[in-house]
C-alpha atoms as a PDB file:
ATOM      1  CA  MET A   1     -20.230  29.640  29.425  1.00  0.00           C
ATOM      2  CA  ILE A   2     -22.746  29.389  32.276  1.00  0.00           C
ATOM      3  CA  ARG A   3     -22.695  26.254  34.409  1.00  0.00           C
ATOM      4  CA  SER A   4     -23.702  25.013  37.828  1.00  0.00           C
ATOM      5  CA  ALA A   5     -21.242  25.644  40.632  1.00  0.00           C
ATOM      6  CA  TYR A   6     -19.251  22.853  42.236  1.00  0.00           C
ATOM      7  CA  PRO A   7     -17.722  22.632  45.712  1.00  0.00           C
ATOM      8  CA  ALA A   8     -14.299  22.974  44.062  1.00  0.00           C
ATOM      9  CA  ASP A   9     -15.348  26.497  42.964  1.00  0.00           C
ATOM     10  CA  LEU A  10     -15.857  27.807  46.512  1.00  0.00           C
ATOM     11  CA  ASP A  11     -12.507  29.589  46.950  1.00  0.00           C
ATOM     12  CA  ALA A  12     -12.812  31.294  43.551  1.00  0.00           C
ATOM     13  CA  ILE A  13     -16.447  32.246  44.211  1.00  0.00           C
ATOM     14  CA  ALA A  14     -15.653  33.735  47.628  1.00  0.00           C
ATOM     15  CA  ALA A  15     -12.711  35.713  46.225  1.00  0.00           C
ATOM     16  CA  LEU A  16     -14.792  37.037  43.311  1.00  0.00           C
ATOM     17  CA  HIS A  17     -17.614  37.944  45.709  1.00  0.00           C
ATOM     18  CA  THR A  18     -15.162  39.922  47.853  1.00  0.00           C
ATOM     19  CA  ARG A  19     -13.669  41.791  44.860  1.00  0.00           C
ATOM     20  CA  ALA A  20     -17.121  42.715  43.573  1.00  0.00           C
ATOM     21  CA  ARG A  21     -18.341  43.891  46.983  1.00  0.00           C
ATOM     22  CA  ALA A  22     -15.262  46.085  47.397  1.00  0.00           C
ATOM     23  CA  THR A  23     -16.399  48.192  44.431  1.00  0.00           C
ATOM     24  CA  TYR A  24     -19.526  49.412  46.223  1.00  0.00           C
ATOM     25  CA  TYR A  25     -18.641  49.051  49.911  1.00  0.00           C
ATOM     26  CA  GLN A  26     -15.202  50.668  49.748  1.00  0.00           C
ATOM     27  CA  GLY A  27     -15.288  53.991  51.561  1.00  0.00           C
ATOM     28  CA  ARG A  28     -18.746  53.254  52.990  1.00  0.00           C
ATOM     29  CA  ILE A  29     -18.001  50.502  55.499  1.00  0.00           C
ATOM     30  CA  SER A  30     -14.735  49.243  56.966  1.00  0.00           C
ATOM     31  CA  GLU A  31     -12.649  47.005  54.729  1.00  0.00           C
ATOM     32  CA  GLU A  32     -12.634  44.380  57.487  1.00  0.00           C
ATOM     33  CA  ALA A  33     -16.442  44.191  57.208  1.00  0.00           C
ATOM     34  CA  TYR A  34     -16.382  43.146  53.541  1.00  0.00           C
ATOM     35  CA  GLY A  35     -12.844  41.895  52.921  1.00  0.00           C
ATOM     36  CA  GLY A  36     -11.327  40.781  56.203  1.00  0.00           C
ATOM     37  CA  ALA A  37     -10.332  37.204  56.974  1.00  0.00           C
ATOM     38  CA  ALA A  38     -13.377  36.544  59.171  1.00  0.00           C
ATOM     39  CA  GLU A  39     -15.719  37.922  56.522  1.00  0.00           C
ATOM     40  CA  LEU A  40     -14.048  35.878  53.784  1.00  0.00           C
ATOM     41  CA  ALA A  41     -14.531  32.715  55.865  1.00  0.00           C
ATOM     42  CA  ARG A  42     -18.187  33.641  56.495  1.00  0.00           C
ATOM     43  CA  THR A  43     -18.656  34.358  52.785  1.00  0.00           C
ATOM     44  CA  ARG A  44     -17.137  31.014  51.783  1.00  0.00           C
ATOM     45  CA  GLU A  45     -19.361  29.186  54.291  1.00  0.00           C
ATOM     46  CA  GLY A  46     -22.445  30.930  52.916  1.00  0.00           C
ATOM     47  CA  TRP A  47     -21.540  29.977  49.378  1.00  0.00           C
ATOM     48  CA  SER A  48     -20.854  26.420  50.541  1.00  0.00           C
ATOM     49  CA  ARG A  49     -24.421  26.164  51.867  1.00  0.00           C
ATOM     50  CA  ALA A  50     -25.786  27.661  48.640  1.00  0.00           C
ATOM     51  CA  VAL A  51     -23.856  25.229  46.423  1.00  0.00           C
ATOM     52  CA  ALA A  52     -25.169  22.317  48.527  1.00  0.00           C
ATOM     53  CA  ARG A  53     -28.848  23.272  48.072  1.00  0.00           C
ATOM     54  CA  THR A  54     -31.167  20.869  46.351  1.00  0.00           C
ATOM     55  CA  GLU A  55     -32.443  21.921  42.932  1.00  0.00           C
ATOM     56  CA  ALA A  56     -35.874  22.630  44.398  1.00  0.00           C
ATOM     57  CA  ALA A  57     -34.310  24.985  46.947  1.00  0.00           C
ATOM     58  CA  GLY A  58     -32.249  27.014  44.461  1.00  0.00           C
ATOM     59  CA  ALA A  59     -29.022  27.084  42.512  1.00  0.00           C
ATOM     60  CA  VAL A  60     -25.616  28.674  42.141  1.00  0.00           C
ATOM     61  CA  LEU A  61     -24.565  29.431  38.577  1.00  0.00           C
ATOM     62  CA  CYS A  62     -21.046  30.310  37.461  1.00  0.00           C
ATOM     63  CA  ALA A  63     -19.935  32.251  34.413  1.00  0.00           C
ATOM     64  CA  GLU A  64     -16.659  30.981  33.085  1.00  0.00           C
ATOM     65  CA  SER A  65     -14.355  32.142  30.301  1.00  0.00           C
ATOM     66  CA  ASP A  66     -11.204  30.264  29.311  1.00  0.00           C
ATOM     67  CA  GLY A  67     -11.326  28.309  32.573  1.00  0.00           C
ATOM     68  CA  GLU A  68     -11.591  31.479  34.697  1.00  0.00           C
ATOM     69  CA  LEU A  69     -14.572  32.229  36.919  1.00  0.00           C
ATOM     70  CA  THR A  70     -15.896  35.614  35.755  1.00  0.00           C
ATOM     71  CA  GLY A  71     -19.248  35.818  37.532  1.00  0.00           C
ATOM     72  CA  VAL A  72     -21.608  34.055  39.890  1.00  0.00           C
ATOM     73  CA  ALA A  73     -25.314  34.152  40.682  1.00  0.00           C
ATOM     74  CA  ALA A  74     -27.336  32.412  43.370  1.00  0.00           C
ATOM     75  CA  PHE A  75     -31.006  32.119  44.133  1.00  0.00           C
ATOM     76  CA  ARG A  76     -33.064  30.221  46.655  1.00  0.00           C
ATOM     77  CA  THR A  77     -36.696  29.316  47.104  1.00  0.00           C
ATOM     78  CA  ALA A  78     -38.064  29.026  50.626  1.00  0.00           C
ATOM     79  CA  ASP A  79     -41.603  29.235  51.944  1.00  0.00           C
ATOM     80  CA  GLY A  80     -42.943  29.780  48.428  1.00  0.00           C
ATOM     81  CA  GLU A  81     -40.761  32.838  47.742  1.00  0.00           C
ATOM     82  CA  THR A  82     -37.795  32.941  45.378  1.00  0.00           C
ATOM     83  CA  THR A  83     -34.974  35.376  46.049  1.00  0.00           C
ATOM     84  CA  LEU A  84     -32.023  36.261  43.854  1.00  0.00           C
ATOM     85  CA  THR A  85     -29.542  36.319  46.709  1.00  0.00           C
ATOM     86  CA  GLN A  86     -26.358  37.132  44.779  1.00  0.00           C
ATOM     87  CA  LEU A  87     -25.275  38.231  41.320  1.00  0.00           C
ATOM     88  CA  HIS A  88     -21.644  39.312  41.029  1.00  0.00           C
ATOM     89  CA  VAL A  89     -19.337  39.852  38.090  1.00  0.00           C
ATOM     90  CA  ASP A  90     -15.607  40.161  38.624  1.00  0.00           C
ATOM     91  CA  PRO A  91     -14.903  43.871  38.093  1.00  0.00           C
ATOM     92  CA  VAL A  92     -12.198  43.123  35.499  1.00  0.00           C
ATOM     93  CA  HIS A  93     -14.953  41.486  33.410  1.00  0.00           C
ATOM     94  CA  TRP A  94     -17.562  44.239  33.624  1.00  0.00           C
ATOM     95  CA  ARG A  95     -19.348  45.370  30.456  1.00  0.00           C
ATOM     96  CA  ARG A  96     -18.771  42.073  28.618  1.00  0.00           C
ATOM     97  CA  GLY A  97     -22.259  40.578  28.958  1.00  0.00           C
ATOM     98  CA  THR A  98     -21.430  38.294  31.882  1.00  0.00           C
ATOM     99  CA  GLY A  99     -24.112  39.719  34.182  1.00  0.00           C
ATOM    100  CA  ALA A 100     -26.716  39.580  31.415  1.00  0.00           C
ATOM    101  CA  ALA A 101     -25.809  35.944  30.668  1.00  0.00           C
ATOM    102  CA  LEU A 102     -26.088  34.992  34.348  1.00  0.00           C
ATOM    103  CA  HIS A 103     -29.399  36.819  34.639  1.00  0.00           C
ATOM    104  CA  ALA A 104     -30.740  35.037  31.535  1.00  0.00           C
ATOM    105  CA  ALA A 105     -29.678  31.665  32.967  1.00  0.00           C
ATOM    106  CA  CYS A 106     -31.521  32.467  36.206  1.00  0.00           C
ATOM    107  CA  LEU A 107     -34.626  33.428  34.214  1.00  0.00           C
ATOM    108  CA  ASP A 108     -34.458  30.125  32.338  1.00  0.00           C
ATOM    109  CA  ALA A 109     -34.213  28.203  35.621  1.00  0.00           C
ATOM    110  CA  TRP A 110     -37.132  30.142  37.123  1.00  0.00           C
ATOM    111  CA  ARG A 111     -39.295  29.520  34.060  1.00  0.00           C
ATOM    112  CA  ARG A 112     -38.522  25.789  34.124  1.00  0.00           C
ATOM    113  CA  ALA A 113     -39.494  25.708  37.802  1.00  0.00           C
ATOM    114  CA  GLY A 114     -42.720  27.636  37.180  1.00  0.00           C
ATOM    115  CA  ILE A 115     -41.603  30.575  39.326  1.00  0.00           C
ATOM    116  CA  GLN A 116     -43.559  33.705  38.519  1.00  0.00           C
ATOM    117  CA  LYS A 117     -42.137  36.341  40.849  1.00  0.00           C
ATOM    118  CA  VAL A 118     -38.654  36.873  42.293  1.00  0.00           C
ATOM    119  CA  ARG A 119     -37.315  39.368  44.813  1.00  0.00           C
ATOM    120  CA  LEU A 120     -33.872  40.724  45.584  1.00  0.00           C
ATOM    121  CA  GLU A 121     -32.230  43.227  47.873  1.00  0.00           C
ATOM    122  CA  VAL A 122     -29.658  45.629  46.453  1.00  0.00           C
ATOM    123  CA  TYR A 123     -27.320  47.902  48.411  1.00  0.00           C
ATOM    124  CA  GLU A 124     -28.707  51.435  48.235  1.00  0.00           C
ATOM    125  CA  HIS A 125     -25.335  52.893  47.155  1.00  0.00           C
ATOM    126  CA  ASN A 126     -24.750  50.283  44.431  1.00  0.00           C
ATOM    127  CA  LEU A 127     -26.149  52.391  41.611  1.00  0.00           C
ATOM    128  CA  ARG A 128     -24.464  50.244  38.950  1.00  0.00           C
ATOM    129  CA  ALA A 129     -26.399  47.175  40.130  1.00  0.00           C
ATOM    130  CA  GLN A 130     -29.648  49.122  40.427  1.00  0.00           C
ATOM    131  CA  ALA A 131     -29.293  50.311  36.811  1.00  0.00           C
ATOM    132  CA  PHE A 132     -28.531  46.740  35.688  1.00  0.00           C
ATOM    133  CA  TYR A 133     -31.624  45.369  37.410  1.00  0.00           C
ATOM    134  CA  ALA A 134     -33.844  48.163  36.062  1.00  0.00           C
ATOM    135  CA  THR A 135     -32.645  47.342  32.531  1.00  0.00           C
ATOM    136  CA  HIS A 136     -33.685  43.730  33.138  1.00  0.00           C
ATOM    137  CA  GLY A 137     -37.195  44.593  34.317  1.00  0.00           C
ATOM    138  CA  TRP A 138     -36.802  44.646  38.100  1.00  0.00           C
ATOM    139  CA  LEU A 139     -39.057  47.166  39.818  1.00  0.00           C
ATOM    140  CA  PRO A 140     -38.853  48.781  43.266  1.00  0.00           C
ATOM    141  CA  ASP A 141     -41.050  47.240  45.927  1.00  0.00           C
ATOM    142  CA  PRO A 142     -44.379  49.095  45.715  1.00  0.00           C
ATOM    143  CA  ALA A 143     -44.371  49.487  49.499  1.00  0.00           C
ATOM    144  CA  GLY A 144     -40.897  51.060  49.358  1.00  0.00           C
ATOM    145  CA  THR A 145     -39.544  48.265  51.536  1.00  0.00           C
ATOM    146  CA  HIS A 146     -35.945  48.576  52.691  1.00  0.00           C
ATOM    147  CA  SER A 147     -33.895  46.046  54.581  1.00  0.00           C
ATOM    148  CA  GLY A 148     -31.402  48.195  56.430  1.00  0.00           C
ATOM    149  CA  SER A 149     -29.209  49.750  53.750  1.00  0.00           C
ATOM    150  CA  HIS A 150     -30.738  47.632  50.981  1.00  0.00           C
ATOM    151  CA  ARG A 151     -33.677  48.271  48.660  1.00  0.00           C
ATOM    152  CA  THR A 152     -36.093  45.536  47.714  1.00  0.00           C
ATOM    153  CA  LEU A 153     -36.821  44.935  44.016  1.00  0.00           C
ATOM    154  CA  TRP A 154     -39.240  42.529  42.336  1.00  0.00           C
ATOM    155  CA  LEU A 155     -39.283  40.847  38.943  1.00  0.00           C
ATOM    156  CA  THR A 156     -42.283  39.247  37.289  1.00  0.00           C
ATOM    157  CA  VAL A 157     -40.973  36.262  35.348  1.00  0.00           C
ATOM    158  CA  GLN A 158     -42.541  36.122  31.917  1.00  0.00           C
ATOM    159  CA  ASP A 159     -42.221  33.408  29.327  1.00  0.00           C
ATOM    160  CA  PRO A 160     -40.021  34.283  26.341  1.00  0.00           C
ATOM    161  CA  SER A 161     -43.066  35.276  24.249  1.00  0.00           C
ATOM    162  CA  GLY A 162     -43.742  38.073  26.764  1.00  0.00           C
ATOM    163  CA  GLU A 163     -46.933  36.597  28.189  1.00  0.00           C
END
């Protein structure tokens, strides 16, 4: 089930976010930088701001199975640009369609809002995520734009008929 996030979800979201990030940051940056207490507090605060956004400014969507949070996605719209800021699936729930369901829910929200183009940044070493996004139609930035260790991807949002 995909639903909107609530403030009561913040601890579970932050913990899931940290577990997911560990799969691609581990061995590349210090554990403190992605899983330490200060980073967990910063992560929770960031998610708190995202959950509090108005509908026009974005959304946080949760995937849930049997009362357990299994994935989370967030996007925001600012200055006329929409960005998929986060899409994480708990590693114990990989390969079960959770990411695809979250992505589809984001697409539905973008279509309802009339959004035609969305960007994201993906960690250059997160090849699993890059393959997922490519499967869902995301394309590398034509200018080859990088943001530090992240690659920029773009998605043209089409209506379900493919137009």
